Amino acid sequence: MDLGSLIQLMRSAIITIITVASPVLIVAMGVGLIVSIFQATTSIQDQTLTFVPKILAILGVLAALFGWMVTRLTSFTILLFERIPDLAK
């Protein structure tokens, strides 16, 4: 396996990781921002107020996008297994 194909493989791995993780991270960041604004306007500084909505939003996104995430990760894993003979050369 030459350096160009190794770089392409690593690039596709990073893109797959970013693509799969970004919906969850964006929703968590958005919910955190909304809760922070709510806490600043109401002067409520309870720790569970930030934790519970984030967990519920993340679980909702995972439930909604789980099939897509598994499909994306499975296709990348199949690509890796197909490239194993090239790695041995």
PDB file of N, CA and C in Angstrom:
ATOM      1  N   MET A   1       0.859  -1.161   0.000  1.00  0.00           N
ATOM      2  CA  MET A   1       0.000   0.000   0.000  1.00  0.00           C
ATOM      3  C   MET A   1       0.914   1.235   0.000  1.00  0.00           C
ATOM      4  N   ASP A   2       0.643   2.119  -0.908  1.00  0.00           N
ATOM      5  CA  ASP A   2       1.472   3.322  -0.992  1.00  0.00           C
ATOM      6  C   ASP A   2       0.916   4.427  -0.087  1.00  0.00           C
ATOM      7  N   LEU A   3       1.676   5.482   0.007  1.00  0.00           N
ATOM      8  CA  LEU A   3       1.332   6.574   0.915  1.00  0.00           C
ATOM      9  C   LEU A   3       0.039   7.276   0.510  1.00  0.00           C
ATOM     10  N   GLY A   4      -0.197   7.406  -0.792  1.00  0.00           N
ATOM     11  CA  GLY A   4      -1.409   8.084  -1.262  1.00  0.00           C
ATOM     12  C   GLY A   4      -2.676   7.353  -0.865  1.00  0.00           C
ATOM     13  N   SER A   5      -2.685   6.038  -0.991  1.00  0.00           N
ATOM     14  CA  SER A   5      -3.883   5.286  -0.616  1.00  0.00           C
ATOM     15  C   SER A   5      -4.072   5.258   0.899  1.00  0.00           C
ATOM     16  N   LEU A   6      -2.969   5.279   1.645  1.00  0.00           N
ATOM     17  CA  LEU A   6      -3.082   5.342   3.096  1.00  0.00           C
ATOM     18  C   LEU A   6      -3.659   6.684   3.545  1.00  0.00           C
ATOM     19  N   ILE A   7      -3.216   7.750   2.915  1.00  0.00           N
ATOM     20  CA  ILE A   7      -3.761   9.073   3.235  1.00  0.00           C
ATOM     21  C   ILE A   7      -5.240   9.146   2.875  1.00  0.00           C
ATOM     22  N   GLN A   8      -5.617   8.568   1.744  1.00  0.00           N
ATOM     23  CA  GLN A   8      -7.027   8.552   1.340  1.00  0.00           C
ATOM     24  C   GLN A   8      -7.871   7.755   2.338  1.00  0.00           C
ATOM     25  N   LEU A   9      -7.335   6.644   2.830  1.00  0.00           N
ATOM     26  CA  LEU A   9      -8.046   5.832   3.811  1.00  0.00           C
ATOM     27  C   LEU A   9      -8.228   6.593   5.122  1.00  0.00           C
ATOM     28  N   MET A  10      -7.190   7.276   5.577  1.00  0.00           N
ATOM     29  CA  MET A  10      -7.293   8.061   6.808  1.00  0.00           C
ATOM     30  C   MET A  10      -8.246   9.246   6.630  1.00  0.00           C
ATOM     31  N   ARG A  11      -8.222   9.856   5.456  1.00  0.00           N
ATOM     32  CA  ARG A  11      -9.131  10.973   5.185  1.00  0.00           C
ATOM     33  C   ARG A  11     -10.586  10.511   5.233  1.00  0.00           C
ATOM     34  N   SER A  12     -10.861   9.361   4.630  1.00  0.00           N
ATOM     35  CA  SER A  12     -12.241   8.865   4.653  1.00  0.00           C
ATOM     36  C   SER A  12     -12.653   8.448   6.062  1.00  0.00           C
ATOM     37  N   ALA A  13     -11.703   7.975   6.880  1.00  0.00           N
ATOM     38  CA  ALA A  13     -12.028   7.635   8.270  1.00  0.00           C
ATOM     39  C   ALA A  13     -12.385   8.893   9.052  1.00  0.00           C
ATOM     40  N   ILE A  14     -11.623   9.956   8.879  1.00  0.00           N
ATOM     41  CA  ILE A  14     -11.897  11.203   9.598  1.00  0.00           C
ATOM     42  C   ILE A  14     -13.221  11.804   9.148  1.00  0.00           C
ATOM     43  N   ILE A  15     -13.491  11.775   7.851  1.00  0.00           N
ATOM     44  CA  ILE A  15     -14.759  12.305   7.345  1.00  0.00           C
ATOM     45  C   ILE A  15     -15.934  11.496   7.881  1.00  0.00           C
ATOM     46  N   THR A  16     -15.779  10.176   7.957  1.00  0.00           N
ATOM     47  CA  THR A  16     -16.845   9.334   8.496  1.00  0.00           C
ATOM     48  C   THR A  16     -17.094   9.643   9.967  1.00  0.00           C
ATOM     49  N   ILE A  17     -16.030   9.815  10.735  1.00  0.00           N
ATOM     50  CA  ILE A  17     -16.180  10.131  12.156  1.00  0.00           C
ATOM     51  C   ILE A  17     -16.890  11.463  12.340  1.00  0.00           C
ATOM     52  N   ILE A  18     -16.468  12.466  11.593  1.00  0.00           N
ATOM     53  CA  ILE A  18     -17.081  13.791  11.712  1.00  0.00           C
ATOM     54  C   ILE A  18     -18.546  13.753  11.285  1.00  0.00           C
ATOM     55  N   THR A  19     -18.823  13.040  10.206  1.00  0.00           N
ATOM     56  CA  THR A  19     -20.196  12.957   9.697  1.00  0.00           C
ATOM     57  C   THR A  19     -21.128  12.266  10.685  1.00  0.00           C
ATOM     58  N   VAL A  20     -20.652  11.212  11.321  1.00  0.00           N
ATOM     59  CA  VAL A  20     -21.503  10.459  12.249  1.00  0.00           C
ATOM     60  C   VAL A  20     -21.673  11.202  13.572  1.00  0.00           C
ATOM     61  N   ALA A  21     -20.625  11.865  14.040  1.00  0.00           N
ATOM     62  CA  ALA A  21     -20.685  12.508  15.357  1.00  0.00           C
ATOM     63  C   ALA A  21     -21.297  13.903  15.333  1.00  0.00           C
ATOM     64  N   SER A  22     -21.261  14.574  14.195  1.00  0.00           N
ATOM     65  CA  SER A  22     -21.683  15.974  14.174  1.00  0.00           C
ATOM     66  C   SER A  22     -23.156  16.212  14.509  1.00  0.00           C
ATOM     67  N   PRO A  23     -24.114  15.397  14.088  1.00  0.00           N
ATOM     68  CA  PRO A  23     -25.502  15.704  14.488  1.00  0.00           C
ATOM     69  C   PRO A  23     -25.702  15.691  16.007  1.00  0.00           C
ATOM     70  N   VAL A  24     -25.087  14.734  16.674  1.00  0.00           N
ATOM     71  CA  VAL A  24     -25.229  14.648  18.124  1.00  0.00           C
ATOM     72  C   VAL A  24     -24.560  15.845  18.794  1.00  0.00           C
ATOM     73  N   LEU A  25     -23.377  16.200  18.333  1.00  0.00           N
ATOM     74  CA  LEU A  25     -22.662  17.318  18.937  1.00  0.00           C
ATOM     75  C   LEU A  25     -23.359  18.649  18.695  1.00  0.00           C
ATOM     76  N   ILE A  26     -23.914  18.834  17.506  1.00  0.00           N
ATOM     77  CA  ILE A  26     -24.613  20.081  17.199  1.00  0.00           C
ATOM     78  C   ILE A  26     -25.869  20.231  18.055  1.00  0.00           C
ATOM     79  N   VAL A  27     -26.609  19.139  18.214  1.00  0.00           N
ATOM     80  CA  VAL A  27     -27.818  19.198  19.047  1.00  0.00           C
ATOM     81  C   VAL A  27     -27.452  19.456  20.506  1.00  0.00           C
ATOM     82  N   ALA A  28     -26.408  18.798  21.001  1.00  0.00           N
ATOM     83  CA  ALA A  28     -25.982  19.020  22.389  1.00  0.00           C
ATOM     84  C   ALA A  28     -25.539  20.464  22.605  1.00  0.00           C
ATOM     85  N   MET A  29     -24.833  21.014  21.633  1.00  0.00           N
ATOM     86  CA  MET A  29     -24.391  22.403  21.746  1.00  0.00           C
ATOM     87  C   MET A  29     -25.585  23.357  21.698  1.00  0.00           C
ATOM     88  N   GLY A  30     -26.529  23.099  20.823  1.00  0.00           N
ATOM     89  CA  GLY A  30     -27.713  23.952  20.726  1.00  0.00           C
ATOM     90  C   GLY A  30     -28.557  23.915  21.988  1.00  0.00           C
ATOM     91  N   VAL A  31     -28.779  22.726  22.515  1.00  0.00           N
ATOM     92  CA  VAL A  31     -29.563  22.607  23.751  1.00  0.00           C
ATOM     93  C   VAL A  31     -28.820  23.256  24.909  1.00  0.00           C
ATOM     94  N   GLY A  32     -27.514  23.091  24.963  1.00  0.00           N
ATOM     95  CA  GLY A  32     -26.727  23.736  26.020  1.00  0.00           C
ATOM     96  C   GLY A  32     -26.808  25.243  25.949  1.00  0.00           C
ATOM     97  N   LEU A  33     -26.778  25.784  24.730  1.00  0.00           N
ATOM     98  CA  LEU A  33     -26.885  27.233  24.565  1.00  0.00           C
ATOM     99  C   LEU A  33     -28.258  27.744  24.998  1.00  0.00           C
ATOM    100  N   ILE A  34     -29.300  27.033  24.608  1.00  0.00           N
ATOM    101  CA  ILE A  34     -30.659  27.436  24.986  1.00  0.00           C
ATOM    102  C   ILE A  34     -30.838  27.379  26.502  1.00  0.00           C
ATOM    103  N   VAL A  35     -30.334  26.307  27.122  1.00  0.00           N
ATOM    104  CA  VAL A  35     -30.457  26.186  28.573  1.00  0.00           C
ATOM    105  C   VAL A  35     -29.635  27.265  29.275  1.00  0.00           C
ATOM    106  N   SER A  36     -28.468  27.589  28.746  1.00  0.00           N
ATOM    107  CA  SER A  36     -27.643  28.638  29.346  1.00  0.00           C
ATOM    108  C   SER A  36     -28.331  29.995  29.270  1.00  0.00           C
ATOM    109  N   ILE A  37     -28.945  30.273  28.129  1.00  0.00           N
ATOM    110  CA  ILE A  37     -29.690  31.536  28.002  1.00  0.00           C
ATOM    111  C   ILE A  37     -30.864  31.558  28.971  1.00  0.00           C
ATOM    112  N   PHE A  38     -31.557  30.438  29.093  1.00  0.00           N
ATOM    113  CA  PHE A  38     -32.672  30.349  30.039  1.00  0.00           C
ATOM    114  C   PHE A  38     -32.191  30.550  31.476  1.00  0.00           C
ATOM    115  N   GLN A  39     -31.061  29.944  31.819  1.00  0.00           N
ATOM    116  CA  GLN A  39     -30.530  30.104  33.174  1.00  0.00           C
ATOM    117  C   GLN A  39     -30.083  31.542  33.440  1.00  0.00           C
ATOM    118  N   ALA A  40     -29.517  32.179  32.436  1.00  0.00           N
ATOM    119  CA  ALA A  40     -29.065  33.564  32.629  1.00  0.00           C
ATOM    120  C   ALA A  40     -30.238  34.515  32.795  1.00  0.00           C
ATOM    121  N   THR A  41     -31.317  34.261  32.081  1.00  0.00           N
ATOM    122  CA  THR A  41     -32.462  35.174  32.180  1.00  0.00           C
ATOM    123  C   THR A  41     -33.276  34.936  33.440  1.00  0.00           C
ATOM    124  N   THR A  42     -33.309  33.726  33.955  1.00  0.00           N
ATOM    125  CA  THR A  42     -34.125  33.435  35.134  1.00  0.00           C
ATOM    126  C   THR A  42     -33.319  33.334  36.416  1.00  0.00           C
ATOM    127  N   SER A  43     -32.004  33.398  36.341  1.00  0.00           N
ATOM    128  CA  SER A  43     -31.100  33.283  37.496  1.00  0.00           C
ATOM    129  C   SER A  43     -31.251  31.961  38.230  1.00  0.00           C
ATOM    130  N   ILE A  44     -31.611  30.914  37.500  1.00  0.00           N
ATOM    131  CA  ILE A  44     -31.661  29.569  38.070  1.00  0.00           C
ATOM    132  C   ILE A  44     -30.321  28.900  37.760  1.00  0.00           C
ATOM    133  N   GLN A  45     -29.607  28.458  38.774  1.00  0.00           N
ATOM    134  CA  GLN A  45     -28.293  27.861  38.565  1.00  0.00           C
ATOM    135  C   GLN A  45     -28.254  26.421  39.050  1.00  0.00           C
ATOM    136  N   ASP A  46     -29.243  25.661  38.705  1.00  0.00           N
ATOM    137  CA  ASP A  46     -29.302  24.262  39.106  1.00  0.00           C
ATOM    138  C   ASP A  46     -28.494  23.416  38.124  1.00  0.00           C
ATOM    139  N   GLN A  47     -27.691  22.484  38.628  1.00  0.00           N
ATOM    140  CA  GLN A  47     -26.850  21.653  37.769  1.00  0.00           C
ATOM    141  C   GLN A  47     -27.658  20.679  36.921  1.00  0.00           C
ATOM    142  N   THR A  48     -28.738  20.155  37.468  1.00  0.00           N
ATOM    143  CA  THR A  48     -29.531  19.191  36.719  1.00  0.00           C
ATOM    144  C   THR A  48     -30.282  19.847  35.570  1.00  0.00           C
ATOM    145  N   LEU A  49     -30.472  21.141  35.643  1.00  0.00           N
ATOM    146  CA  LEU A  49     -31.175  21.837  34.571  1.00  0.00           C
ATOM    147  C   LEU A  49     -30.369  21.801  33.272  1.00  0.00           C
ATOM    148  N   THR A  50     -29.062  21.758  33.366  1.00  0.00           N
ATOM    149  CA  THR A  50     -28.251  21.667  32.148  1.00  0.00           C
ATOM    150  C   THR A  50     -28.065  20.223  31.710  1.00  0.00           C
ATOM    151  N   PHE A  51     -28.053  19.304  32.652  1.00  0.00           N
ATOM    152  CA  PHE A  51     -27.736  17.911  32.344  1.00  0.00           C
ATOM    153  C   PHE A  51     -28.900  17.163  31.712  1.00  0.00           C
ATOM    154  N   VAL A  52     -30.074  17.260  32.292  1.00  0.00           N
ATOM    155  CA  VAL A  52     -31.222  16.461  31.855  1.00  0.00           C
ATOM    156  C   VAL A  52     -31.672  16.810  30.424  1.00  0.00           C
ATOM    157  N   PRO A  53     -31.846  18.081  30.050  1.00  0.00           N
ATOM    158  CA  PRO A  53     -32.266  18.356  28.674  1.00  0.00           C
ATOM    159  C   PRO A  53     -31.242  17.913  27.622  1.00  0.00           C
ATOM    160  N   LYS A  54     -29.961  18.041  27.946  1.00  0.00           N
ATOM    161  CA  LYS A  54     -28.937  17.586  26.997  1.00  0.00           C
ATOM    162  C   LYS A  54     -29.013  16.086  26.787  1.00  0.00           C
ATOM    163  N   ILE A  55     -29.147  15.336  27.868  1.00  0.00           N
ATOM    164  CA  ILE A  55     -29.237  13.880  27.760  1.00  0.00           C
ATOM    165  C   ILE A  55     -30.472  13.475  26.968  1.00  0.00           C
ATOM    166  N   LEU A  56     -31.595  14.118  27.237  1.00  0.00           N
ATOM    167  CA  LEU A  56     -32.820  13.777  26.500  1.00  0.00           C
ATOM    168  C   LEU A  56     -32.698  14.125  25.020  1.00  0.00           C
ATOM    169  N   ALA A  57     -32.095  15.260  24.699  1.00  0.00           N
ATOM    170  CA  ALA A  57     -31.919  15.651  23.302  1.00  0.00           C
ATOM    171  C   ALA A  57     -30.955  14.711  22.593  1.00  0.00           C
ATOM    172  N   ILE A  58     -29.879  14.333  23.254  1.00  0.00           N
ATOM    173  CA  ILE A  58     -28.915  13.417  22.648  1.00  0.00           C
ATOM    174  C   ILE A  58     -29.553  12.046  22.420  1.00  0.00           C
ATOM    175  N   LEU A  59     -30.309  11.562  23.385  1.00  0.00           N
ATOM    176  CA  LEU A  59     -30.998  10.282  23.196  1.00  0.00           C
ATOM    177  C   LEU A  59     -32.008  10.348  22.060  1.00  0.00           C
ATOM    178  N   GLY A  60     -32.692  11.488  21.923  1.00  0.00           N
ATOM    179  CA  GLY A  60     -33.637  11.654  20.816  1.00  0.00           C
ATOM    180  C   GLY A  60     -32.949  11.642  19.465  1.00  0.00           C
ATOM    181  N   VAL A  61     -31.817  12.325  19.368  1.00  0.00           N
ATOM    182  CA  VAL A  61     -31.075  12.341  18.103  1.00  0.00           C
ATOM    183  C   VAL A  61     -30.522  10.956  17.795  1.00  0.00           C
ATOM    184  N   LEU A  62     -29.991  10.283  18.811  1.00  0.00           N
ATOM    185  CA  LEU A  62     -29.494   8.924  18.588  1.00  0.00           C
ATOM    186  C   LEU A  62     -30.606   7.977  18.155  1.00  0.00           C
ATOM    187  N   ALA A  63     -31.783   8.121  18.742  1.00  0.00           N
ATOM    188  CA  ALA A  63     -32.906   7.267  18.355  1.00  0.00           C
ATOM    189  C   ALA A  63     -33.354   7.562  16.928  1.00  0.00           C
ATOM    190  N   ALA A  64     -33.327   8.843  16.550  1.00  0.00           N
ATOM    191  CA  ALA A  64     -33.793   9.219  15.215  1.00  0.00           C
ATOM    192  C   ALA A  64     -32.786   8.849  14.126  1.00  0.00           C
ATOM    193  N   LEU A  65     -31.495   8.965  14.425  1.00  0.00           N
ATOM    194  CA  LEU A  65     -30.475   8.783  13.394  1.00  0.00           C
ATOM    195  C   LEU A  65     -29.667   7.497  13.550  1.00  0.00           C
ATOM    196  N   PHE A  66     -30.096   6.599  14.430  1.00  0.00           N
ATOM    197  CA  PHE A  66     -29.311   5.396  14.688  1.00  0.00           C
ATOM    198  C   PHE A  66     -29.140   4.540  13.441  1.00  0.00           C
ATOM    199  N   GLY A  67     -30.190   4.369  12.670  1.00  0.00           N
ATOM    200  CA  GLY A  67     -30.100   3.558  11.464  1.00  0.00           C
ATOM    201  C   GLY A  67     -29.117   4.132  10.459  1.00  0.00           C
ATOM    202  N   TRP A  68     -29.177   5.444  10.270  1.00  0.00           N
ATOM    203  CA  TRP A  68     -28.247   6.100   9.351  1.00  0.00           C
ATOM    204  C   TRP A  68     -26.811   5.975   9.836  1.00  0.00           C
ATOM    205  N   MET A  69     -26.601   6.155  11.145  1.00  0.00           N
ATOM    206  CA  MET A  69     -25.249   6.048  11.702  1.00  0.00           C
ATOM    207  C   MET A  69     -24.679   4.644  11.530  1.00  0.00           C
ATOM    208  N   VAL A  70     -25.488   3.651  11.812  1.00  0.00           N
ATOM    209  CA  VAL A  70     -25.025   2.266  11.675  1.00  0.00           C
ATOM    210  C   VAL A  70     -24.733   1.941  10.218  1.00  0.00           C
ATOM    211  N   THR A  71     -25.573   2.410   9.311  1.00  0.00           N
ATOM    212  CA  THR A  71     -25.342   2.170   7.888  1.00  0.00           C
ATOM    213  C   THR A  71     -24.041   2.813   7.432  1.00  0.00           C
ATOM    214  N   ARG A  72     -23.806   4.017   7.855  1.00  0.00           N
ATOM    215  CA  ARG A  72     -22.574   4.733   7.471  1.00  0.00           C
ATOM    216  C   ARG A  72     -21.332   4.035   8.025  1.00  0.00           C
ATOM    217  N   LEU A  73     -21.381   3.642   9.302  1.00  0.00           N
ATOM    218  CA  LEU A  73     -20.240   2.964   9.906  1.00  0.00           C
ATOM    219  C   LEU A  73     -20.037   1.566   9.338  1.00  0.00           C
ATOM    220  N   THR A  74     -21.125   0.878   9.007  1.00  0.00           N
ATOM    221  CA  THR A  74     -21.019  -0.448   8.415  1.00  0.00           C
ATOM    222  C   THR A  74     -20.403  -0.384   7.032  1.00  0.00           C
ATOM    223  N   SER A  75     -20.794   0.596   6.241  1.00  0.00           N
ATOM    224  CA  SER A  75     -20.214   0.707   4.900  1.00  0.00           C
ATOM    225  C   SER A  75     -18.726   1.043   4.969  1.00  0.00           C
ATOM    226  N   PHE A  76     -18.319   1.851   5.946  1.00  0.00           N
ATOM    227  CA  PHE A  76     -16.895   2.143   6.096  1.00  0.00           C
ATOM    228  C   PHE A  76     -16.129   0.909   6.567  1.00  0.00           C
ATOM    229  N   THR A  77     -16.724   0.137   7.470  1.00  0.00           N
ATOM    230  CA  THR A  77     -16.076  -1.084   7.945  1.00  0.00           C
ATOM    231  C   THR A  77     -15.925  -2.101   6.822  1.00  0.00           C
ATOM    232  N   ILE A  78     -16.931  -2.224   5.982  1.00  0.00           N
ATOM    233  CA  ILE A  78     -16.837  -3.132   4.834  1.00  0.00           C
ATOM    234  C   ILE A  78     -15.736  -2.671   3.888  1.00  0.00           C
ATOM    235  N   LEU A  79     -15.626  -1.366   3.680  1.00  0.00           N
ATOM    236  CA  LEU A  79     -14.545  -0.825   2.861  1.00  0.00           C
ATOM    237  C   LEU A  79     -13.180  -1.176   3.441  1.00  0.00           C
ATOM    238  N   LEU A  80     -13.046  -1.069   4.764  1.00  0.00           N
ATOM    239  CA  LEU A  80     -11.777  -1.427   5.406  1.00  0.00           C
ATOM    240  C   LEU A  80     -11.450  -2.898   5.225  1.00  0.00           C
ATOM    241  N   PHE A  81     -12.430  -3.767   5.403  1.00  0.00           N
ATOM    242  CA  PHE A  81     -12.190  -5.198   5.236  1.00  0.00           C
ATOM    243  C   PHE A  81     -11.857  -5.557   3.795  1.00  0.00           C
ATOM    244  N   GLU A  82     -12.443  -4.838   2.852  1.00  0.00           N
ATOM    245  CA  GLU A  82     -12.106  -5.085   1.452  1.00  0.00           C
ATOM    246  C   GLU A  82     -10.697  -4.629   1.122  1.00  0.00           C
ATOM    247  N   ARG A  83     -10.167  -3.665   1.847  1.00  0.00           N
ATOM    248  CA  ARG A  83      -8.830  -3.138   1.589  1.00  0.00           C
ATOM    249  C   ARG A  83      -7.737  -3.891   2.323  1.00  0.00           C
ATOM    250  N   ILE A  84      -8.083  -4.889   3.158  1.00  0.00           N
ATOM    251  CA  ILE A  84      -7.077  -5.652   3.904  1.00  0.00           C
ATOM    252  C   ILE A  84      -6.056  -6.317   2.972  1.00  0.00           C
ATOM    253  N   PRO A  85      -6.465  -6.928   1.873  1.00  0.00           N
ATOM    254  CA  PRO A  85      -5.435  -7.519   0.993  1.00  0.00           C
ATOM    255  C   PRO A  85      -4.449  -6.496   0.445  1.00  0.00           C
ATOM    256  N   ASP A  86      -4.915  -5.259   0.223  1.00  0.00           N
ATOM    257  CA  ASP A  86      -3.994  -4.208  -0.230  1.00  0.00           C
ATOM    258  C   ASP A  86      -2.998  -3.820   0.847  1.00  0.00           C
ATOM    259  N   LEU A  87      -3.398  -3.942   2.094  1.00  0.00           N
ATOM    260  CA  LEU A  87      -2.496  -3.604   3.200  1.00  0.00           C
ATOM    261  C   LEU A  87      -1.365  -4.626   3.318  1.00  0.00           C
ATOM    262  N   ALA A  88      -1.624  -5.854   2.927  1.00  0.00           N
ATOM    263  CA  ALA A  88      -0.616  -6.906   3.056  1.00  0.00           C
ATOM    264  C   ALA A  88       0.466  -6.815   1.996  1.00  0.00           C
ATOM    265  N   LYS A  89       0.223  -6.073   0.958  1.00  0.00           N
ATOM    266  CA  LYS A  89       1.204  -5.991  -0.129  1.00  0.00           C
ATOM    267  C   LYS A  89       2.374  -5.116   0.227  1.00  0.00           C
TER     268      LYS A  89
END
